[in-house]
Amino acid sequence: MAVPLNENSLDFEIIDFNKNISHNCYEYFKRTFDSTPENTWYLDDLGVRKDKRRRGVAKRLLKTCLTKLNSKNVFLRTSDSNNQAQLLYQNLGFRHIDGLYTQVSHKRLDGSVREDRRIIMLRQAEPIE
């Protein structure tokens, strides 16, 4: 799912590890990249079932999405330990914004809570191949 940069829909905090401060996601992108809802979109929750992985499904989904958003900046969050996803995103023109991350809590089926650090990746507007 991709959603336009919007102060009402993107209410998570981005943590700047280098400066030890946090920023509202919307305000950070608006200020740092001159982003507006018209030119910047957030890619949220791309997932492929385990039995369908390693077949190019995620790459095709991403390419379709990026083609539709061809003249837009697109950013996303992915687990800092998910090297396969990071490589896929890098191969499609995303770059890791050094020092920025978010913390995400997931409640698991067994009731336990898992903390996950997510890095921020950005693909600035340009045509894709």
C-alpha atoms as a PDB file:
ATOM      1  CA  MET A   1       0.000   0.000   0.000  1.00  0.00           C
ATOM      2  CA  ALA A   2       1.297   3.474  -0.832  1.00  0.00           C
ATOM      3  CA  VAL A   3      -0.122   6.602   0.772  1.00  0.00           C
ATOM      4  CA  PRO A   4       0.680  10.266   0.118  1.00  0.00           C
ATOM      5  CA  LEU A   5       2.778  12.099   2.677  1.00  0.00           C
ATOM      6  CA  ASN A   6       0.136  13.457   5.005  1.00  0.00           C
ATOM      7  CA  GLU A   7       0.343  14.794   8.523  1.00  0.00           C
ATOM      8  CA  ASN A   8      -2.788  12.887   9.520  1.00  0.00           C
ATOM      9  CA  SER A   9      -1.789   9.460   8.210  1.00  0.00           C
ATOM     10  CA  LEU A  10       1.926   9.413   9.064  1.00  0.00           C
ATOM     11  CA  ASP A  11       2.084   9.998  12.778  1.00  0.00           C
ATOM     12  CA  PHE A  12       5.187   7.987  13.655  1.00  0.00           C
ATOM     13  CA  GLU A  13       8.401   9.475  14.989  1.00  0.00           C
ATOM     14  CA  ILE A  14      11.739   9.266  13.177  1.00  0.00           C
ATOM     15  CA  ILE A  15      14.763   9.063  15.458  1.00  0.00           C
ATOM     16  CA  ASP A  16      18.005  10.722  14.373  1.00  0.00           C
ATOM     17  CA  PHE A  17      20.667   8.465  15.879  1.00  0.00           C
ATOM     18  CA  ASN A  18      23.478  10.959  15.127  1.00  0.00           C
ATOM     19  CA  LYS A  19      21.823  13.887  16.921  1.00  0.00           C
ATOM     20  CA  ASN A  20      19.880  11.826  19.479  1.00  0.00           C
ATOM     21  CA  ILE A  21      16.606  13.623  18.694  1.00  0.00           C
ATOM     22  CA  SER A  22      13.275  12.564  17.218  1.00  0.00           C
ATOM     23  CA  HIS A  23      11.183  14.161  14.495  1.00  0.00           C
ATOM     24  CA  ASN A  24       7.579  13.857  13.392  1.00  0.00           C
ATOM     25  CA  CYS A  25       7.741  11.906  10.118  1.00  0.00           C
ATOM     26  CA  TYR A  26       5.612  14.359   8.147  1.00  0.00           C
ATOM     27  CA  GLU A  27       7.491  17.427   9.381  1.00  0.00           C
ATOM     28  CA  TYR A  28      10.899  15.827   8.795  1.00  0.00           C
ATOM     29  CA  PHE A  29      10.229  14.951   5.139  1.00  0.00           C
ATOM     30  CA  LYS A  30       8.495  18.253   4.466  1.00  0.00           C
ATOM     31  CA  ARG A  31      11.450  20.211   5.853  1.00  0.00           C
ATOM     32  CA  THR A  32      14.390  18.054   4.735  1.00  0.00           C
ATOM     33  CA  PHE A  33      13.294  17.065   1.221  1.00  0.00           C
ATOM     34  CA  ASP A  34      10.832  19.892   0.461  1.00  0.00           C
ATOM     35  CA  SER A  35       8.194  17.161   0.371  1.00  0.00           C
ATOM     36  CA  THR A  36       4.485  17.681  -0.089  1.00  0.00           C
ATOM     37  CA  PRO A  37       1.565  15.237  -0.373  1.00  0.00           C
ATOM     38  CA  GLU A  38       1.680  15.845  -4.126  1.00  0.00           C
ATOM     39  CA  ASN A  39       5.300  14.721  -4.587  1.00  0.00           C
ATOM     40  CA  THR A  40       6.049  12.248  -1.788  1.00  0.00           C
ATOM     41  CA  TRP A  41       4.479   8.901  -0.960  1.00  0.00           C
ATOM     42  CA  TYR A  42       5.021   6.382   1.839  1.00  0.00           C
ATOM     43  CA  LEU A  43       5.209   2.717   0.886  1.00  0.00           C
ATOM     44  CA  ASP A  44       3.665   0.731   3.716  1.00  0.00           C
ATOM     45  CA  ASP A  45       3.448  -3.004   4.377  1.00  0.00           C
ATOM     46  CA  LEU A  46       4.733  -4.866   1.357  1.00  0.00           C
ATOM     47  CA  GLY A  47       4.570  -8.568   2.126  1.00  0.00           C
ATOM     48  CA  VAL A  48       4.778 -11.833   0.225  1.00  0.00           C
ATOM     49  CA  ARG A  49       3.631 -15.174   1.662  1.00  0.00           C
ATOM     50  CA  LYS A  50       6.547 -17.387   2.694  1.00  0.00           C
ATOM     51  CA  ASP A  51       5.699 -20.088   0.160  1.00  0.00           C
ATOM     52  CA  LYS A  52       5.738 -17.497  -2.683  1.00  0.00           C
ATOM     53  CA  ARG A  53       9.035 -15.786  -1.802  1.00  0.00           C
ATOM     54  CA  ARG A  54      12.222 -15.858  -3.897  1.00  0.00           C
ATOM     55  CA  ARG A  55      10.168 -15.849  -7.138  1.00  0.00           C
ATOM     56  CA  GLY A  56      10.344 -12.144  -8.009  1.00  0.00           C
ATOM     57  CA  VAL A  57       6.863 -11.344  -6.694  1.00  0.00           C
ATOM     58  CA  ALA A  58       7.999  -8.482  -4.420  1.00  0.00           C
ATOM     59  CA  LYS A  59      10.126  -6.999  -7.194  1.00  0.00           C
ATOM     60  CA  ARG A  60       7.199  -7.044  -9.654  1.00  0.00           C
ATOM     61  CA  LEU A  61       4.870  -5.499  -7.058  1.00  0.00           C
ATOM     62  CA  LEU A  62       7.379  -2.757  -6.289  1.00  0.00           C
ATOM     63  CA  LYS A  63       8.066  -2.009  -9.942  1.00  0.00           C
ATOM     64  CA  THR A  64       4.334  -1.704 -10.614  1.00  0.00           C
ATOM     65  CA  CYS A  65       3.911   0.653  -7.667  1.00  0.00           C
ATOM     66  CA  LEU A  66       6.950   2.744  -8.626  1.00  0.00           C
ATOM     67  CA  THR A  67       5.760   2.984 -12.231  1.00  0.00           C
ATOM     68  CA  LYS A  68       2.448   4.411 -11.018  1.00  0.00           C
ATOM     69  CA  LEU A  69       4.363   6.868  -8.786  1.00  0.00           C
ATOM     70  CA  ASN A  70       7.033   7.588 -11.400  1.00  0.00           C
ATOM     71  CA  SER A  71       7.421  11.307 -10.744  1.00  0.00           C
ATOM     72  CA  LYS A  72       7.108  11.016  -6.967  1.00  0.00           C
ATOM     73  CA  ASN A  73       9.520  10.588  -4.066  1.00  0.00           C
ATOM     74  CA  VAL A  74       8.829   7.300  -2.284  1.00  0.00           C
ATOM     75  CA  PHE A  75      10.057   6.348   1.177  1.00  0.00           C
ATOM     76  CA  LEU A  76       9.635   3.264   3.318  1.00  0.00           C
ATOM     77  CA  ARG A  77      10.731   1.583   6.520  1.00  0.00           C
ATOM     78  CA  THR A  78      12.256  -1.873   6.707  1.00  0.00           C
ATOM     79  CA  SER A  79      13.824  -3.890   9.485  1.00  0.00           C
ATOM     80  CA  ASP A  80      17.490  -3.049   9.975  1.00  0.00           C
ATOM     81  CA  SER A  81      18.195  -6.799   9.981  1.00  0.00           C
ATOM     82  CA  ASN A  82      16.256  -7.614   6.774  1.00  0.00           C
ATOM     83  CA  ASN A  83      19.183  -7.560   4.357  1.00  0.00           C
ATOM     84  CA  GLN A  84      17.236  -9.211   1.515  1.00  0.00           C
ATOM     85  CA  ALA A  85      14.573  -6.499   1.535  1.00  0.00           C
ATOM     86  CA  GLN A  86      17.202  -3.764   1.755  1.00  0.00           C
ATOM     87  CA  LEU A  87      19.036  -5.194  -1.266  1.00  0.00           C
ATOM     88  CA  LEU A  88      15.784  -5.360  -3.255  1.00  0.00           C
ATOM     89  CA  TYR A  89      14.985  -1.743  -2.419  1.00  0.00           C
ATOM     90  CA  GLN A  90      18.531  -0.603  -3.258  1.00  0.00           C
ATOM     91  CA  ASN A  91      18.339  -2.370  -6.626  1.00  0.00           C
ATOM     92  CA  LEU A  92      15.185  -0.353  -7.357  1.00  0.00           C
ATOM     93  CA  GLY A  93      16.807   2.987  -6.535  1.00  0.00           C
ATOM     94  CA  PHE A  94      16.148   3.402  -2.801  1.00  0.00           C
ATOM     95  CA  ARG A  95      18.926   4.612  -0.536  1.00  0.00           C
ATOM     96  CA  HIS A  96      19.247   4.293   3.205  1.00  0.00           C
ATOM     97  CA  ILE A  97      19.049   7.659   4.959  1.00  0.00           C
ATOM     98  CA  ASP A  98      21.957   7.295   7.364  1.00  0.00           C
ATOM     99  CA  GLY A  99      21.270   7.753  11.036  1.00  0.00           C
ATOM    100  CA  LEU A 100      17.461   7.655  10.835  1.00  0.00           C
ATOM    101  CA  TYR A 101      15.283   4.888  12.201  1.00  0.00           C
ATOM    102  CA  THR A 102      11.982   4.156  13.887  1.00  0.00           C
ATOM    103  CA  GLN A 103      11.089   1.708  16.657  1.00  0.00           C
ATOM    104  CA  VAL A 104       8.127  -0.571  16.052  1.00  0.00           C
ATOM    105  CA  SER A 105       6.403  -2.838  18.570  1.00  0.00           C
ATOM    106  CA  HIS A 106       4.627  -5.976  17.376  1.00  0.00           C
ATOM    107  CA  LYS A 107       2.256  -7.979  19.532  1.00  0.00           C
ATOM    108  CA  ARG A 108       2.732 -11.634  18.633  1.00  0.00           C
ATOM    109  CA  LEU A 109       0.093 -14.368  18.674  1.00  0.00           C
ATOM    110  CA  ASP A 110       1.489 -15.710  21.956  1.00  0.00           C
ATOM    111  CA  GLY A 111       0.918 -12.284  23.564  1.00  0.00           C
ATOM    112  CA  SER A 112       4.578 -11.299  23.750  1.00  0.00           C
ATOM    113  CA  VAL A 113       5.747  -7.976  22.326  1.00  0.00           C
ATOM    114  CA  ARG A 114       8.661  -7.779  19.910  1.00  0.00           C
ATOM    115  CA  GLU A 115      10.605  -4.562  19.348  1.00  0.00           C
ATOM    116  CA  ASP A 116      11.956  -3.946  15.863  1.00  0.00           C
ATOM    117  CA  ARG A 117      14.236  -1.177  14.630  1.00  0.00           C
ATOM    118  CA  ARG A 118      13.336   0.036  11.128  1.00  0.00           C
ATOM    119  CA  ILE A 119      15.652   2.001   8.866  1.00  0.00           C
ATOM    120  CA  ILE A 120      14.314   4.689   6.522  1.00  0.00           C
ATOM    121  CA  MET A 121      14.926   4.335   2.785  1.00  0.00           C
ATOM    122  CA  LEU A 122      14.103   6.919   0.118  1.00  0.00           C
ATOM    123  CA  ARG A 123      13.799   6.781  -3.645  1.00  0.00           C
ATOM    124  CA  GLN A 124      13.786  10.276  -5.061  1.00  0.00           C
ATOM    125  CA  ALA A 125      11.713  10.941  -8.146  1.00  0.00           C
ATOM    126  CA  GLU A 126      13.210   9.625 -11.363  1.00  0.00           C
ATOM    127  CA  PRO A 127      12.052   7.275 -14.097  1.00  0.00           C
ATOM    128  CA  ILE A 128      12.552   3.553 -13.415  1.00  0.00           C
ATOM    129  CA  GLU A 129      13.877   1.045 -15.917  1.00  0.00           C
END
